[in-house]
Amino acid sequence: QLGIVANKRVGEEISWKDLKAMKYTWQVVQETLRMFPPLFGSFRKAMVDIDYDGYTIPKGWM
């Protein structure tokens, strides 16, 4: 991991490829995604009342 970082210039970001090459760090990323999948952050706020299959999603619901 230090070798990958050592080859970066000051301020240069670590790429996805670099991250996958860092075995321990990659395992941390995988475990974080397992515990906190990005799906949870994808909910949106209803802008209007929505009726669907007999159910109502009220305006403002998240």
N, C-alpha and C. Protein backbone atom coordinates (compact mmCIF):
# COMPACT_ATOMS: atom_id res chain seq x y z
N GLN A 1 0.82 -1.19 0.00
CA GLN A 1 0.00 0.00 0.00
C GLN A 1 0.87 1.25 0.00
N LEU A 2 1.93 1.23 0.77
CA LEU A 2 2.81 2.40 0.81
C LEU A 2 3.48 2.63 -0.54
N GLY A 3 3.78 1.54 -1.26
CA GLY A 3 4.40 1.67 -2.57
C GLY A 3 3.50 2.38 -3.57
N ILE A 4 2.23 2.10 -3.51
CA ILE A 4 1.28 2.76 -4.42
C ILE A 4 1.18 4.24 -4.10
N VAL A 5 1.07 4.55 -2.82
CA VAL A 5 0.97 5.95 -2.40
C VAL A 5 2.27 6.69 -2.69
N ALA A 6 3.40 6.02 -2.52
CA ALA A 6 4.70 6.67 -2.75
C ALA A 6 4.88 7.08 -4.21
N ASN A 7 4.22 6.38 -5.14
CA ASN A 7 4.34 6.71 -6.56
C ASN A 7 3.39 7.82 -7.00
N LYS A 8 2.60 8.34 -6.10
CA LYS A 8 1.67 9.42 -6.42
C LYS A 8 2.33 10.77 -6.16
N ARG A 9 1.97 11.74 -6.98
CA ARG A 9 2.45 13.10 -6.75
C ARG A 9 1.62 13.74 -5.64
N VAL A 10 2.15 14.77 -5.05
CA VAL A 10 1.44 15.48 -3.98
C VAL A 10 0.11 16.00 -4.54
N GLY A 11 -0.97 15.68 -3.87
CA GLY A 11 -2.29 16.13 -4.30
C GLY A 11 -2.97 15.22 -5.31
N GLU A 12 -2.23 14.24 -5.85
CA GLU A 12 -2.83 13.32 -6.83
C GLU A 12 -3.73 12.33 -6.10
N GLU A 13 -4.92 12.13 -6.63
CA GLU A 13 -5.88 11.25 -5.98
C GLU A 13 -5.58 9.79 -6.29
N ILE A 14 -6.01 8.92 -5.40
CA ILE A 14 -5.87 7.48 -5.60
C ILE A 14 -7.01 7.04 -6.51
N SER A 15 -6.68 6.28 -7.55
CA SER A 15 -7.70 5.82 -8.48
C SER A 15 -8.37 4.55 -7.97
N TRP A 16 -9.46 4.18 -8.62
CA TRP A 16 -10.16 2.94 -8.26
C TRP A 16 -9.23 1.74 -8.47
N LYS A 17 -8.43 1.78 -9.53
CA LYS A 17 -7.46 0.71 -9.81
C LYS A 17 -6.42 0.62 -8.68
N ASP A 18 -5.92 1.77 -8.23
CA ASP A 18 -4.97 1.80 -7.11
C ASP A 18 -5.60 1.19 -5.86
N LEU A 19 -6.84 1.57 -5.60
CA LEU A 19 -7.54 1.10 -4.42
C LEU A 19 -7.70 -0.42 -4.44
N LYS A 20 -8.02 -0.97 -5.61
CA LYS A 20 -8.18 -2.42 -5.73
C LYS A 20 -6.85 -3.15 -5.55
N ALA A 21 -5.74 -2.49 -5.87
CA ALA A 21 -4.42 -3.09 -5.71
C ALA A 21 -3.97 -3.10 -4.24
N MET A 22 -4.58 -2.25 -3.42
CA MET A 22 -4.26 -2.21 -1.99
C MET A 22 -5.14 -3.24 -1.30
N LYS A 23 -4.61 -4.43 -1.07
CA LYS A 23 -5.42 -5.55 -0.60
C LYS A 23 -6.19 -5.26 0.69
N TYR A 24 -5.53 -4.75 1.70
CA TYR A 24 -6.21 -4.50 2.97
C TYR A 24 -7.25 -3.39 2.81
N THR A 25 -6.86 -2.31 2.16
CA THR A 25 -7.77 -1.18 1.98
C THR A 25 -8.98 -1.61 1.15
N TRP A 26 -8.74 -2.44 0.12
CA TRP A 26 -9.84 -2.93 -0.71
C TRP A 26 -10.82 -3.76 0.13
N GLN A 27 -10.30 -4.57 1.05
CA GLN A 27 -11.17 -5.35 1.92
C GLN A 27 -12.01 -4.44 2.83
N VAL A 28 -11.41 -3.35 3.29
CA VAL A 28 -12.14 -2.38 4.11
C VAL A 28 -13.27 -1.75 3.28
N VAL A 29 -12.98 -1.40 2.04
CA VAL A 29 -14.01 -0.82 1.16
C VAL A 29 -15.15 -1.82 0.96
N GLN A 30 -14.80 -3.07 0.66
CA GLN A 30 -15.82 -4.10 0.44
C GLN A 30 -16.69 -4.30 1.69
N GLU A 31 -16.08 -4.34 2.85
CA GLU A 31 -16.84 -4.53 4.09
C GLU A 31 -17.73 -3.32 4.38
N THR A 32 -17.23 -2.13 4.11
CA THR A 32 -18.03 -0.92 4.31
C THR A 32 -19.25 -0.93 3.40
N LEU A 33 -19.06 -1.31 2.13
CA LEU A 33 -20.19 -1.39 1.20
C LEU A 33 -21.17 -2.49 1.60
N ARG A 34 -20.65 -3.58 2.19
CA ARG A 34 -21.54 -4.65 2.65
C ARG A 34 -22.41 -4.17 3.80
N MET A 35 -21.80 -3.44 4.73
CA MET A 35 -22.53 -2.98 5.91
C MET A 35 -23.44 -1.79 5.62
N PHE A 36 -23.03 -0.94 4.71
CA PHE A 36 -23.78 0.28 4.39
C PHE A 36 -23.93 0.40 2.88
N PRO A 37 -24.79 -0.41 2.26
CA PRO A 37 -24.94 -0.34 0.81
C PRO A 37 -25.42 1.03 0.35
N PRO A 38 -24.98 1.47 -0.81
CA PRO A 38 -25.37 2.79 -1.31
C PRO A 38 -26.87 2.93 -1.55
N LEU A 39 -27.59 1.84 -1.62
CA LEU A 39 -29.03 1.89 -1.84
C LEU A 39 -29.73 2.71 -0.77
N PHE A 40 -29.27 2.64 0.48
CA PHE A 40 -29.93 3.37 1.56
C PHE A 40 -29.92 4.87 1.34
N GLY A 41 -28.95 5.37 0.63
CA GLY A 41 -28.87 6.81 0.41
C GLY A 41 -29.57 7.28 -0.84
N SER A 42 -30.27 6.38 -1.52
CA SER A 42 -30.85 6.76 -2.81
C SER A 42 -32.33 7.13 -2.72
N PHE A 43 -32.88 7.24 -1.52
CA PHE A 43 -34.29 7.61 -1.40
C PHE A 43 -34.47 9.08 -1.72
N ARG A 44 -35.61 9.39 -2.30
CA ARG A 44 -35.92 10.76 -2.67
C ARG A 44 -37.18 11.20 -1.92
N LYS A 45 -37.36 12.49 -1.86
CA LYS A 45 -38.53 13.07 -1.21
C LYS A 45 -39.66 13.17 -2.25
N ALA A 46 -40.86 12.70 -1.87
CA ALA A 46 -42.01 12.79 -2.77
C ALA A 46 -42.41 14.25 -2.92
N MET A 47 -42.48 14.71 -4.15
CA MET A 47 -42.82 16.11 -4.43
C MET A 47 -44.33 16.34 -4.47
N VAL A 48 -45.08 15.28 -4.77
CA VAL A 48 -46.55 15.33 -4.82
C VAL A 48 -47.09 14.04 -4.22
N ASP A 49 -48.37 14.03 -3.85
CA ASP A 49 -49.00 12.79 -3.40
C ASP A 49 -49.00 11.79 -4.55
N ILE A 50 -48.69 10.54 -4.26
CA ILE A 50 -48.65 9.50 -5.28
C ILE A 50 -49.54 8.35 -4.84
N ASP A 51 -50.48 7.96 -5.69
CA ASP A 51 -51.33 6.79 -5.42
C ASP A 51 -50.81 5.65 -6.28
N TYR A 52 -50.52 4.52 -5.62
CA TYR A 52 -50.00 3.36 -6.34
C TYR A 52 -50.60 2.09 -5.76
N ASP A 53 -51.33 1.37 -6.58
CA ASP A 53 -51.87 0.05 -6.21
C ASP A 53 -52.61 0.09 -4.87
N GLY A 54 -53.41 1.15 -4.67
CA GLY A 54 -54.19 1.25 -3.44
C GLY A 54 -53.46 1.90 -2.27
N TYR A 55 -52.21 2.26 -2.46
CA TYR A 55 -51.42 2.91 -1.41
C TYR A 55 -51.17 4.36 -1.79
N THR A 56 -51.09 5.22 -0.80
CA THR A 56 -50.79 6.63 -1.04
C THR A 56 -49.46 6.98 -0.39
N ILE A 57 -48.58 7.57 -1.19
CA ILE A 57 -47.32 8.10 -0.67
C ILE A 57 -47.53 9.61 -0.58
N PRO A 58 -47.58 10.15 0.64
CA PRO A 58 -47.89 11.57 0.78
C PRO A 58 -46.73 12.47 0.37
N LYS A 59 -47.09 13.66 -0.10
CA LYS A 59 -46.10 14.67 -0.45
C LYS A 59 -45.18 14.90 0.75
N GLY A 60 -43.87 14.97 0.51
CA GLY A 60 -42.90 15.23 1.57
C GLY A 60 -42.33 13.98 2.22
N TRP A 61 -42.93 12.81 1.91
CA TRP A 61 -42.44 11.55 2.50
C TRP A 61 -41.09 11.19 1.91
N MET A 62 -40.20 10.66 2.75
CA MET A 62 -38.87 10.24 2.27
C MET A 62 -38.68 8.77 2.50
